[in-house]
């Protein structure tokens, strides 16, 4: 489907909004993982280690 210029800009705006919402949700989840020290239960010495090794 070919979008008009206005539709293309609107789609980009919608996707940016969704991406920002997703990023905020991930940040909140990471805050809770850190606060609960779940990384220790999973055998990681730090939250940073868990994020970089488990989540990539």
PDB file of N, CA and C in Angstrom:
ATOM      1  N   UNK A   1       0.850  -1.175   0.000  1.00  0.00           N
ATOM      2  CA  UNK A   1       0.000   0.000   0.000  1.00  0.00           C
ATOM      3  C   UNK A   1       0.895   1.237   0.000  1.00  0.00           C
ATOM      4  N   UNK A   2       0.584   2.156  -0.862  1.00  0.00           N
ATOM      5  CA  UNK A   2       1.347   3.390  -0.948  1.00  0.00           C
ATOM      6  C   UNK A   2       0.653   4.464  -0.120  1.00  0.00           C
ATOM      7  N   UNK A   3       1.411   5.069   0.770  1.00  0.00           N
ATOM      8  CA  UNK A   3       0.873   6.114   1.650  1.00  0.00           C
ATOM      9  C   UNK A   3       1.133   7.486   1.050  1.00  0.00           C
ATOM     10  N   UNK A   4       0.211   8.382   1.325  1.00  0.00           N
ATOM     11  CA  UNK A   4       0.442   9.774   0.939  1.00  0.00           C
ATOM     12  C   UNK A   4       1.507  10.351   1.873  1.00  0.00           C
ATOM     13  N   UNK A   5       2.011  11.500   1.550  1.00  0.00           N
ATOM     14  CA  UNK A   5       3.021  12.143   2.401  1.00  0.00           C
ATOM     15  C   UNK A   5       2.483  12.362   3.813  1.00  0.00           C
ATOM     16  N   UNK A   6       1.249  12.845   3.904  1.00  0.00           N
ATOM     17  CA  UNK A   6       0.646  13.093   5.225  1.00  0.00           C
ATOM     18  C   UNK A   6       0.461  11.798   6.003  1.00  0.00           C
ATOM     19  N   UNK A   7       0.017  10.743   5.322  1.00  0.00           N
ATOM     20  CA  UNK A   7      -0.172   9.453   5.975  1.00  0.00           C
ATOM     21  C   UNK A   7       1.162   8.878   6.451  1.00  0.00           C
ATOM     22  N   UNK A   8       2.194   9.058   5.650  1.00  0.00           N
ATOM     23  CA  UNK A   8       3.523   8.569   6.012  1.00  0.00           C
ATOM     24  C   UNK A   8       4.039   9.250   7.278  1.00  0.00           C
ATOM     25  N   UNK A   9       3.875  10.561   7.356  1.00  0.00           N
ATOM     26  CA  UNK A   9       4.294  11.309   8.549  1.00  0.00           C
ATOM     27  C   UNK A   9       3.467  10.875   9.749  1.00  0.00           C
ATOM     28  N   UNK A  10       2.157  10.705   9.560  1.00  0.00           N
ATOM     29  CA  UNK A  10       1.285  10.277  10.656  1.00  0.00           C
ATOM     30  C   UNK A  10       1.682   8.894  11.161  1.00  0.00           C
ATOM     31  N   UNK A  11       1.983   7.972  10.257  1.00  0.00           N
ATOM     32  CA  UNK A  11       2.426   6.633  10.661  1.00  0.00           C
ATOM     33  C   UNK A  11       3.727   6.701  11.458  1.00  0.00           C
ATOM     34  N   UNK A  12       4.656   7.531  11.012  1.00  0.00           N
ATOM     35  CA  UNK A  12       5.915   7.688  11.737  1.00  0.00           C
ATOM     36  C   UNK A  12       5.653   8.229  13.139  1.00  0.00           C
ATOM     37  N   UNK A  13       4.777   9.205  13.254  1.00  0.00           N
ATOM     38  CA  UNK A  13       4.437   9.767  14.566  1.00  0.00           C
ATOM     39  C   UNK A  13       3.830   8.706  15.480  1.00  0.00           C
ATOM     40  N   UNK A  14       2.954   7.879  14.940  1.00  0.00           N
ATOM     41  CA  UNK A  14       2.326   6.814  15.730  1.00  0.00           C
ATOM     42  C   UNK A  14       3.367   5.803  16.216  1.00  0.00           C
ATOM     43  N   UNK A  15       4.275   5.419  15.334  1.00  0.00           N
ATOM     44  CA  UNK A  15       5.299   4.451  15.701  1.00  0.00           C
ATOM     45  C   UNK A  15       6.258   5.008  16.750  1.00  0.00           C
ATOM     46  N   UNK A  16       6.586   6.277  16.625  1.00  0.00           N
ATOM     47  CA  UNK A  16       7.460   6.919  17.619  1.00  0.00           C
ATOM     48  C   UNK A  16       6.774   6.927  18.981  1.00  0.00           C
ATOM     49  N   UNK A  17       5.490   7.234  18.996  1.00  0.00           N
ATOM     50  CA  UNK A  17       4.736   7.240  20.264  1.00  0.00           C
ATOM     51  C   UNK A  17       4.743   5.837  20.880  1.00  0.00           C
ATOM     52  N   UNK A  18       4.495   4.807  20.055  1.00  0.00           N
ATOM     53  CA  UNK A  18       4.500   3.427  20.566  1.00  0.00           C
ATOM     54  C   UNK A  18       5.873   3.038  21.100  1.00  0.00           C
ATOM     55  N   UNK A  19       6.904   3.440  20.381  1.00  0.00           N
ATOM     56  CA  UNK A  19       8.263   3.112  20.802  1.00  0.00           C
ATOM     57  C   UNK A  19       8.599   3.780  22.134  1.00  0.00           C
ATOM     58  N   UNK A  20       8.184   5.016  22.302  1.00  0.00           N
ATOM     59  CA  UNK A  20       8.432   5.709  23.575  1.00  0.00           C
ATOM     60  C   UNK A  20       7.699   5.037  24.719  1.00  0.00           C
ATOM     61  N   UNK A  21       6.460   4.621  24.472  1.00  0.00           N
ATOM     62  CA  UNK A  21       5.691   3.924  25.499  1.00  0.00           C
ATOM     63  C   UNK A  21       6.357   2.602  25.867  1.00  0.00           C
ATOM     64  N   UNK A  22       6.848   1.880  24.877  1.00  0.00           N
ATOM     65  CA  UNK A  22       7.545   0.616  25.131  1.00  0.00           C
ATOM     66  C   UNK A  22       8.819   0.836  25.935  1.00  0.00           C
ATOM     67  N   UNK A  23       9.563   1.866  25.571  1.00  0.00           N
ATOM     68  CA  UNK A  23      10.803   2.184  26.286  1.00  0.00           C
ATOM     69  C   UNK A  23      10.508   2.507  27.746  1.00  0.00           C
ATOM     70  N   UNK A  24       9.472   3.290  27.991  1.00  0.00           N
ATOM     71  CA  UNK A  24       9.102   3.637  29.362  1.00  0.00           C
ATOM     72  C   UNK A  24       8.717   2.384  30.149  1.00  0.00           C
ATOM     73  N   UNK A  25       7.982   1.485  29.521  1.00  0.00           N
ATOM     74  CA  UNK A  25       7.584   0.248  30.205  1.00  0.00           C
ATOM     75  C   UNK A  25       8.815  -0.584  30.560  1.00  0.00           C
ATOM     76  N   UNK A  26       9.762  -0.692  29.629  1.00  0.00           N
ATOM     77  CA  UNK A  26      10.987  -1.450  29.893  1.00  0.00           C
ATOM     78  C   UNK A  26      11.775  -0.819  31.037  1.00  0.00           C
ATOM     79  N   UNK A  27      11.869   0.494  31.057  1.00  0.00           N
ATOM     80  CA  UNK A  27      12.581   1.185  32.146  1.00  0.00           C
ATOM     81  C   UNK A  27      11.930   0.867  33.482  1.00  0.00           C
ATOM     82  N   UNK A  28      10.612   0.909  33.523  1.00  0.00           N
ATOM     83  CA  UNK A  28       9.905   0.613  34.780  1.00  0.00           C
ATOM     84  C   UNK A  28      10.117  -0.837  35.210  1.00  0.00           C
ATOM     85  N   UNK A  29      10.101  -1.748  34.253  1.00  0.00           N
ATOM     86  CA  UNK A  29      10.358  -3.158  34.581  1.00  0.00           C
ATOM     87  C   UNK A  29      11.774  -3.343  35.104  1.00  0.00           C
ATOM     88  N   UNK A  30      12.741  -2.708  34.459  1.00  0.00           N
ATOM     89  CA  UNK A  30      14.129  -2.787  34.915  1.00  0.00           C
ATOM     90  C   UNK A  30      14.292  -2.189  36.309  1.00  0.00           C
ATOM     91  N   UNK A  31      13.593  -1.107  36.600  1.00  0.00           N
ATOM     92  CA  UNK A  31      13.656  -0.520  37.937  1.00  0.00           C
ATOM     93  C   UNK A  31      13.181  -1.519  38.983  1.00  0.00           C
ATOM     94  N   UNK A  32      12.112  -2.232  38.667  1.00  0.00           N
ATOM     95  CA  UNK A  32      11.575  -3.216  39.613  1.00  0.00           C
ATOM     96  C   UNK A  32      12.510  -4.417  39.751  1.00  0.00           C
ATOM     97  N   UNK A  33      13.078  -4.874  38.647  1.00  0.00           N
ATOM     98  CA  UNK A  33      14.052  -5.975  38.702  1.00  0.00           C
ATOM     99  C   UNK A  33      15.224  -5.580  39.586  1.00  0.00           C
ATOM    100  N   UNK A  34      15.693  -4.356  39.418  1.00  0.00           N
ATOM    101  CA  UNK A  34      16.811  -3.867  40.223  1.00  0.00           C
ATOM    102  C   UNK A  34      16.421  -3.739  41.690  1.00  0.00           C
ATOM    103  N   UNK A  35      15.267  -3.161  41.953  1.00  0.00           N
ATOM    104  CA  UNK A  35      14.823  -2.958  43.336  1.00  0.00           C
ATOM    105  C   UNK A  35      14.661  -4.287  44.075  1.00  0.00           C
ATOM    106  N   UNK A  36      14.176  -5.295  43.385  1.00  0.00           N
ATOM    107  CA  UNK A  36      13.979  -6.614  44.003  1.00  0.00           C
ATOM    108  C   UNK A  36      15.252  -7.457  44.008  1.00  0.00           C
ATOM    109  N   UNK A  37      16.287  -6.947  43.366  1.00  0.00           N
ATOM    110  CA  UNK A  37      17.563  -7.660  43.261  1.00  0.00           C
ATOM    111  C   UNK A  37      17.387  -9.056  42.643  1.00  0.00           C
ATOM    112  N   UNK A  38      16.530  -9.130  41.653  1.00  0.00           N
ATOM    113  CA  UNK A  38      16.257 -10.396  40.973  1.00  0.00           C
ATOM    114  C   UNK A  38      17.512 -10.915  40.285  1.00  0.00           C
ATOM    115  N   UNK A  39      18.400 -10.015  39.906  1.00  0.00           N
ATOM    116  CA  UNK A  39      19.639 -10.427  39.247  1.00  0.00           C
ATOM    117  C   UNK A  39      20.450 -11.373  40.128  1.00  0.00           C
ATOM    118  N   UNK A  40      20.385 -11.184  41.442  1.00  0.00           N
ATOM    119  CA  UNK A  40      21.108 -12.079  42.353  1.00  0.00           C
ATOM    120  C   UNK A  40      20.506 -13.481  42.335  1.00  0.00           C
ATOM    121  N   UNK A  41      19.169 -13.561  42.319  1.00  0.00           N
ATOM    122  CA  UNK A  41      18.488 -14.863  42.246  1.00  0.00           C
ATOM    123  C   UNK A  41      18.871 -15.611  40.977  1.00  0.00           C
ATOM    124  N   UNK A  42      19.129 -14.853  39.920  1.00  0.00           N
ATOM    125  CA  UNK A  42      19.450 -15.454  38.620  1.00  0.00           C
ATOM    126  C   UNK A  42      20.938 -15.726  38.445  1.00  0.00           C
ATOM    127  N   UNK A  43      21.710 -15.463  39.493  1.00  0.00           N
ATOM    128  CA  UNK A  43      23.131 -15.774  39.466  1.00  0.00           C
ATOM    129  C   UNK A  43      24.019 -14.700  38.872  1.00  0.00           C
ATOM    130  N   UNK A  44      23.509 -13.508  38.720  1.00  0.00           N
ATOM    131  CA  UNK A  44      24.318 -12.402  38.202  1.00  0.00           C
ATOM    132  C   UNK A  44      24.812 -11.554  39.367  1.00  0.00           C
ATOM    133  N   UNK A  45      26.061 -11.109  39.329  1.00  0.00           N
ATOM    134  CA  UNK A  45      26.601 -10.324  40.438  1.00  0.00           C
ATOM    135  C   UNK A  45      26.071  -8.889  40.482  1.00  0.00           C
ATOM    136  N   UNK A  46      25.489  -8.439  39.367  1.00  0.00           N
ATOM    137  CA  UNK A  46      24.974  -7.061  39.336  1.00  0.00           C
ATOM    138  C   UNK A  46      23.812  -6.960  38.345  1.00  0.00           C
ATOM    139  N   UNK A  47      23.046  -5.917  38.495  1.00  0.00           N
ATOM    140  CA  UNK A  47      21.956  -5.645  37.559  1.00  0.00           C
ATOM    141  C   UNK A  47      22.508  -5.442  36.160  1.00  0.00           C
ATOM    142  N   UNK A  48      23.626  -4.723  36.061  1.00  0.00           N
ATOM    143  CA  UNK A  48      24.260  -4.481  34.766  1.00  0.00           C
ATOM    144  C   UNK A  48      24.602  -5.799  34.070  1.00  0.00           C
ATOM    145  N   UNK A  49      25.157  -6.734  34.815  1.00  0.00           N
ATOM    146  CA  UNK A  49      25.510  -8.030  34.245  1.00  0.00           C
ATOM    147  C   UNK A  49      24.277  -8.748  33.706  1.00  0.00           C
ATOM    148  N   UNK A  50      23.198  -8.713  34.468  1.00  0.00           N
ATOM    149  CA  UNK A  50      21.976  -9.369  34.011  1.00  0.00           C
ATOM    150  C   UNK A  50      21.448  -8.729  32.739  1.00  0.00           C
ATOM    151  N   UNK A  51      21.402  -7.414  32.724  1.00  0.00           N
ATOM    152  CA  UNK A  51      20.861  -6.714  31.551  1.00  0.00           C
ATOM    153  C   UNK A  51      21.708  -6.999  30.309  1.00  0.00           C
ATOM    154  N   UNK A  52      23.011  -6.929  30.444  1.00  0.00           N
ATOM    155  CA  UNK A  52      23.857  -7.095  29.260  1.00  0.00           C
ATOM    156  C   UNK A  52      23.974  -8.549  28.821  1.00  0.00           C
ATOM    157  N   UNK A  53      23.921  -9.491  29.746  1.00  0.00           N
ATOM    158  CA  UNK A  53      24.102 -10.892  29.368  1.00  0.00           C
ATOM    159  C   UNK A  53      22.781 -11.614  29.124  1.00  0.00           C
ATOM    160  N   UNK A  54      21.793 -11.362  29.957  1.00  0.00           N
ATOM    161  CA  UNK A  54      20.506 -12.065  29.812  1.00  0.00           C
ATOM    162  C   UNK A  54      19.651 -11.456  28.700  1.00  0.00           C
ATOM    163  N   UNK A  55      19.547 -10.139  28.698  1.00  0.00           N
ATOM    164  CA  UNK A  55      18.690  -9.467  27.731  1.00  0.00           C
ATOM    165  C   UNK A  55      19.419  -9.069  26.451  1.00  0.00           C
ATOM    166  N   UNK A  56      20.757  -9.105  26.523  1.00  0.00           N
ATOM    167  CA  UNK A  56      21.564  -8.805  25.339  1.00  0.00           C
ATOM    168  C   UNK A  56      21.660  -7.375  25.090  1.00  0.00           C
TER     169      UNK A  56
END
